[in-house]
Amino acid sequence: MKALWTVIALCAVPFFATAAPDLEAECRIQGELVQKIVDKRLEGKGKRRAERQIRRDATEEEARYDAVIAAMVDWVYLQLPEDQLGEEVGSAWDSQCLDAAKKASSG
């Protein structure tokens, strides 16, 4: 769990650095990226190939997270147990990201 919070904190930096970020939109983008990585793992793609494909296919919004995509890939491939892979990982990331961002911005 500590690894997840570390990765979320790293991913929060790009939108905290901008003025008046739309936290919900930014966390949704991150959740979508994480889900795409999970999907690559479920498809049997190797870690490096998944990272290359995610970077190559990133939308303009997702490309803003290029600096932390490697950390997201590492988390999905090295930290997330296989039995926890599924369609809910991206939405769980989204929720936890939003909680962390709200706590950080209010504190």
Protein backbone atom coordinates (compact mmCIF):
# COMPACT_ATOMS: atom_id res chain seq x y z
CA MET A 1 0.00 0.00 0.00
CA LYS A 2 2.88 2.38 0.77
CA ALA A 3 4.15 1.91 -2.80
CA LEU A 4 0.76 2.95 -4.17
CA TRP A 5 0.74 6.20 -2.16
CA THR A 6 4.29 6.96 -3.27
CA VAL A 7 3.35 6.55 -6.93
CA ILE A 8 0.18 8.61 -6.50
CA ALA A 9 2.20 11.37 -4.83
CA LEU A 10 4.63 11.39 -7.76
CA CYS A 11 1.76 11.57 -10.20
CA ALA A 12 0.15 14.45 -8.35
CA VAL A 13 3.09 16.76 -9.00
CA PRO A 14 2.16 17.68 -12.61
CA PHE A 15 -1.31 18.95 -11.73
CA PHE A 16 -0.38 20.61 -8.44
CA ALA A 17 2.20 22.61 -10.40
CA THR A 18 -0.53 24.19 -12.52
CA ALA A 19 -2.90 26.92 -11.40
CA ALA A 20 -6.38 25.80 -10.28
CA PRO A 21 -6.16 22.19 -11.44
CA ASP A 22 -9.30 20.21 -12.10
CA LEU A 23 -8.52 17.45 -9.62
CA GLU A 24 -11.30 15.17 -10.78
CA ALA A 25 -10.21 15.36 -14.41
CA GLU A 26 -6.53 14.85 -13.60
CA CYS A 27 -7.21 11.85 -11.37
CA ARG A 28 -9.50 10.39 -14.03
CA ILE A 29 -6.70 10.71 -16.60
CA GLN A 30 -4.30 8.95 -14.24
CA GLY A 31 -6.83 6.22 -13.55
CA GLU A 32 -7.30 5.67 -17.28
CA LEU A 33 -3.54 5.43 -17.77
CA VAL A 34 -3.20 2.91 -14.96
CA GLN A 35 -6.07 0.85 -16.39
CA LYS A 36 -4.40 0.83 -19.81
CA ILE A 37 -1.23 -0.49 -18.17
CA VAL A 38 -3.22 -3.16 -16.31
CA ASP A 39 -4.86 -4.15 -19.59
CA LYS A 40 -1.42 -4.53 -21.22
CA ARG A 41 -0.32 -6.79 -18.37
CA LEU A 42 -3.51 -8.84 -18.65
CA GLU A 43 -2.85 -9.18 -22.40
CA GLY A 44 0.52 -10.72 -21.55
CA LYS A 45 2.62 -7.80 -22.75
CA GLY A 46 6.03 -7.45 -21.16
CA LYS A 47 6.75 -4.47 -18.91
CA ARG A 48 9.00 -2.65 -21.38
CA ARG A 49 6.70 -3.23 -24.33
CA ALA A 50 3.72 -2.02 -22.30
CA GLU A 51 5.54 1.16 -21.32
CA ARG A 52 6.54 1.87 -24.93
CA GLN A 53 3.00 1.30 -26.17
CA ILE A 54 1.46 3.45 -23.43
CA ARG A 55 3.85 6.31 -24.22
CA ARG A 56 3.34 5.95 -27.98
CA ASP A 57 -0.45 5.86 -27.76
CA ALA A 58 -0.84 8.52 -25.05
CA THR A 59 -3.40 11.22 -25.69
CA GLU A 60 -2.33 14.84 -25.27
CA GLU A 61 -3.75 14.81 -21.73
CA GLU A 62 -2.00 11.54 -20.86
CA ALA A 63 1.30 12.75 -22.33
CA ARG A 64 1.51 15.31 -19.51
CA TYR A 65 2.24 12.33 -17.24
CA ASP A 66 5.14 11.06 -19.37
CA ALA A 67 7.60 11.66 -16.52
CA VAL A 68 5.70 9.28 -14.22
CA ILE A 69 4.46 6.64 -16.65
CA ALA A 70 7.49 4.49 -15.81
CA ALA A 71 6.55 4.60 -12.10
CA MET A 72 2.96 3.64 -12.95
CA VAL A 73 4.18 0.73 -15.08
CA ASP A 74 6.53 -0.41 -12.32
CA TRP A 75 3.69 -0.30 -9.82
CA VAL A 76 1.35 -2.35 -12.03
CA TYR A 77 3.99 -4.88 -13.07
CA LEU A 78 6.11 -5.15 -9.92
CA GLN A 79 3.85 -4.23 -7.00
CA LEU A 80 0.29 -5.13 -7.96
CA PRO A 81 -0.44 -8.81 -7.25
CA GLU A 82 -1.83 -10.75 -10.19
CA ASP A 83 -5.01 -11.62 -8.29
CA GLN A 84 -5.79 -7.90 -7.98
CA LEU A 85 -5.63 -7.20 -11.71
CA GLY A 86 -8.98 -6.30 -13.20
CA GLU A 87 -11.24 -3.62 -14.56
CA GLU A 88 -11.55 -1.86 -11.21
CA VAL A 89 -7.87 -0.92 -10.77
CA GLY A 90 -8.13 2.30 -12.79
CA SER A 91 -11.21 3.49 -10.94
CA ALA A 92 -9.60 2.62 -7.58
CA TRP A 93 -6.55 4.69 -8.59
CA ASP A 94 -8.83 7.55 -9.60
CA SER A 95 -10.59 7.50 -6.21
CA GLN A 96 -7.39 7.25 -4.18
CA CYS A 97 -5.74 9.95 -6.26
CA LEU A 98 -8.65 12.31 -5.67
CA ASP A 99 -8.62 11.60 -1.92
CA ALA A 100 -4.85 12.23 -1.75
CA ALA A 101 -5.11 15.42 -3.82
CA LYS A 102 -7.92 16.82 -1.67
CA LYS A 103 -5.98 16.06 1.52
CA ALA A 104 -2.84 17.68 0.12
CA SER A 105 -4.63 20.80 -1.09
CA SER A 106 -6.54 21.30 2.16
CA GLY A 107 -3.57 20.75 4.44
